[in-house]
Amino acid sequence: MGIFFLMAGTEIKRELVAGELSSFKKAVLLFGAALGGMVAPALIFLMFNLHSGYQNGWSIPTATDIAFSLAIASLLGKWSL
């Protein structure tokens, strides 16, 4: 799994630096989808577990996306839009 995230992260970095997503206008959809992919599962979880003892587990559905985002952020280093 680590090799997959490394390969996916390097491919995304290449696209952001010199590929199709090198301009902000083209990359904004990608970042919006990534943010929605983290927020939507948490909101769905909260919708079903709002007033129960399990509402504090909202971060569990987002854990994989956060790990993926951190891997990409570490690959990007000091590079910014």
C-alpha atoms as a PDB file:
ATOM      1  CA  MET A   1       0.000   0.000   0.000  1.00  0.00           C
ATOM      2  CA  GLY A   2       2.888   2.332   0.730  1.00  0.00           C
ATOM      3  CA  ILE A   3       4.257   1.837  -2.787  1.00  0.00           C
ATOM      4  CA  PHE A   4       0.839   2.670  -4.226  1.00  0.00           C
ATOM      5  CA  PHE A   5       0.629   5.940  -2.288  1.00  0.00           C
ATOM      6  CA  LEU A   6       4.201   6.808  -3.280  1.00  0.00           C
ATOM      7  CA  MET A   7       3.463   6.242  -6.959  1.00  0.00           C
ATOM      8  CA  ALA A   8       0.129   8.077  -6.820  1.00  0.00           C
ATOM      9  CA  GLY A   9       1.709  10.991  -4.952  1.00  0.00           C
ATOM     10  CA  THR A  10       4.582  11.355  -7.392  1.00  0.00           C
ATOM     11  CA  GLU A  11       2.187  11.213 -10.344  1.00  0.00           C
ATOM     12  CA  ILE A  12      -0.022  13.910  -8.816  1.00  0.00           C
ATOM     13  CA  LYS A  13       3.027  16.049  -8.052  1.00  0.00           C
ATOM     14  CA  ARG A  14       4.217  15.738 -11.662  1.00  0.00           C
ATOM     15  CA  GLU A  15       0.782  16.766 -12.937  1.00  0.00           C
ATOM     16  CA  LEU A  16       0.682  19.756 -10.584  1.00  0.00           C
ATOM     17  CA  VAL A  17       4.187  20.932 -11.465  1.00  0.00           C
ATOM     18  CA  ALA A  18       4.366  20.373 -15.224  1.00  0.00           C
ATOM     19  CA  GLY A  19       1.235  18.591 -16.378  1.00  0.00           C
ATOM     20  CA  GLU A  20      -2.427  19.234 -17.020  1.00  0.00           C
ATOM     21  CA  LEU A  21      -2.995  20.577 -13.493  1.00  0.00           C
ATOM     22  CA  SER A  22      -0.164  23.116 -13.508  1.00  0.00           C
ATOM     23  CA  SER A  23      -2.511  26.109 -13.416  1.00  0.00           C
ATOM     24  CA  PHE A  24      -4.694  26.908 -10.428  1.00  0.00           C
ATOM     25  CA  LYS A  25      -7.869  26.983 -12.517  1.00  0.00           C
ATOM     26  CA  LYS A  26      -7.298  23.426 -13.661  1.00  0.00           C
ATOM     27  CA  ALA A  27      -6.223  22.134 -10.234  1.00  0.00           C
ATOM     28  CA  VAL A  28      -9.065  23.659  -8.193  1.00  0.00           C
ATOM     29  CA  LEU A  29     -11.485  20.882  -9.162  1.00  0.00           C
ATOM     30  CA  LEU A  30      -9.023  18.249  -7.970  1.00  0.00           C
ATOM     31  CA  PHE A  31      -8.559  19.963  -4.616  1.00  0.00           C
ATOM     32  CA  GLY A  32     -12.312  20.435  -4.232  1.00  0.00           C
ATOM     33  CA  ALA A  33     -12.904  16.748  -4.904  1.00  0.00           C
ATOM     34  CA  ALA A  34     -10.231  15.785  -2.378  1.00  0.00           C
ATOM     35  CA  LEU A  35     -11.769  18.031   0.262  1.00  0.00           C
ATOM     36  CA  GLY A  36     -15.238  16.676  -0.491  1.00  0.00           C
ATOM     37  CA  GLY A  37     -13.871  13.149  -0.235  1.00  0.00           C
ATOM     38  CA  MET A  38     -12.806  13.874   3.319  1.00  0.00           C
ATOM     39  CA  VAL A  39     -15.769  15.961   4.467  1.00  0.00           C
ATOM     40  CA  ALA A  40     -18.633  13.948   2.934  1.00  0.00           C
ATOM     41  CA  PRO A  41     -17.882  10.646   4.748  1.00  0.00           C
ATOM     42  CA  ALA A  42     -17.542  12.500   8.051  1.00  0.00           C
ATOM     43  CA  LEU A  43     -20.877  14.285   7.539  1.00  0.00           C
ATOM     44  CA  ILE A  44     -22.638  11.040   6.597  1.00  0.00           C
ATOM     45  CA  PHE A  45     -21.227   9.378   9.708  1.00  0.00           C
ATOM     46  CA  LEU A  46     -22.383  12.280  11.880  1.00  0.00           C
ATOM     47  CA  MET A  47     -25.818  12.234  10.278  1.00  0.00           C
ATOM     48  CA  PHE A  48     -26.373   8.664  11.442  1.00  0.00           C
ATOM     49  CA  ASN A  49     -24.631   8.959  14.823  1.00  0.00           C
ATOM     50  CA  LEU A  50     -25.255  12.556  15.907  1.00  0.00           C
ATOM     51  CA  HIS A  51     -26.840  12.090  19.332  1.00  0.00           C
ATOM     52  CA  SER A  52     -25.287   8.776  20.239  1.00  0.00           C
ATOM     53  CA  GLY A  53     -22.199   7.702  22.087  1.00  0.00           C
ATOM     54  CA  TYR A  54     -20.469   7.109  18.771  1.00  0.00           C
ATOM     55  CA  GLN A  55     -20.502  10.655  17.394  1.00  0.00           C
ATOM     56  CA  ASN A  56     -16.863  11.142  18.392  1.00  0.00           C
ATOM     57  CA  GLY A  57     -15.842   8.530  15.794  1.00  0.00           C
ATOM     58  CA  TRP A  58     -16.437  10.904  12.862  1.00  0.00           C
ATOM     59  CA  SER A  59     -12.734  10.921  11.991  1.00  0.00           C
ATOM     60  CA  ILE A  60     -12.600   7.187  11.262  1.00  0.00           C
ATOM     61  CA  PRO A  61     -14.204   7.439   7.774  1.00  0.00           C
ATOM     62  CA  THR A  62     -11.731  10.181   6.823  1.00  0.00           C
ATOM     63  CA  ALA A  63      -8.547   8.503   8.096  1.00  0.00           C
ATOM     64  CA  THR A  64      -7.471   7.023   4.757  1.00  0.00           C
ATOM     65  CA  ASP A  65      -7.987  10.288   2.877  1.00  0.00           C
ATOM     66  CA  ILE A  66      -6.054  12.226   5.497  1.00  0.00           C
ATOM     67  CA  ALA A  67      -3.132   9.795   5.272  1.00  0.00           C
ATOM     68  CA  PHE A  68      -3.173  10.122   1.488  1.00  0.00           C
ATOM     69  CA  SER A  69      -3.290  13.928   1.709  1.00  0.00           C
ATOM     70  CA  LEU A  70      -0.387  14.017   4.158  1.00  0.00           C
ATOM     71  CA  ALA A  71       1.675  11.806   1.869  1.00  0.00           C
ATOM     72  CA  ILE A  72       1.077  14.149  -1.042  1.00  0.00           C
ATOM     73  CA  ALA A  73       1.811  17.220   1.085  1.00  0.00           C
ATOM     74  CA  SER A  74       5.130  15.718   2.184  1.00  0.00           C
ATOM     75  CA  LEU A  75       6.035  14.995  -1.438  1.00  0.00           C
ATOM     76  CA  LEU A  76       5.228  18.548  -2.464  1.00  0.00           C
ATOM     77  CA  GLY A  77       7.538  19.951   0.205  1.00  0.00           C
ATOM     78  CA  LYS A  78       7.882  23.701  -0.085  1.00  0.00           C
ATOM     79  CA  TRP A  79       6.197  23.821  -3.497  1.00  0.00           C
ATOM     80  CA  SER A  80       3.009  25.876  -3.388  1.00  0.00           C
ATOM     81  CA  LEU A  81       0.390  27.115  -5.818  1.00  0.00           C
END
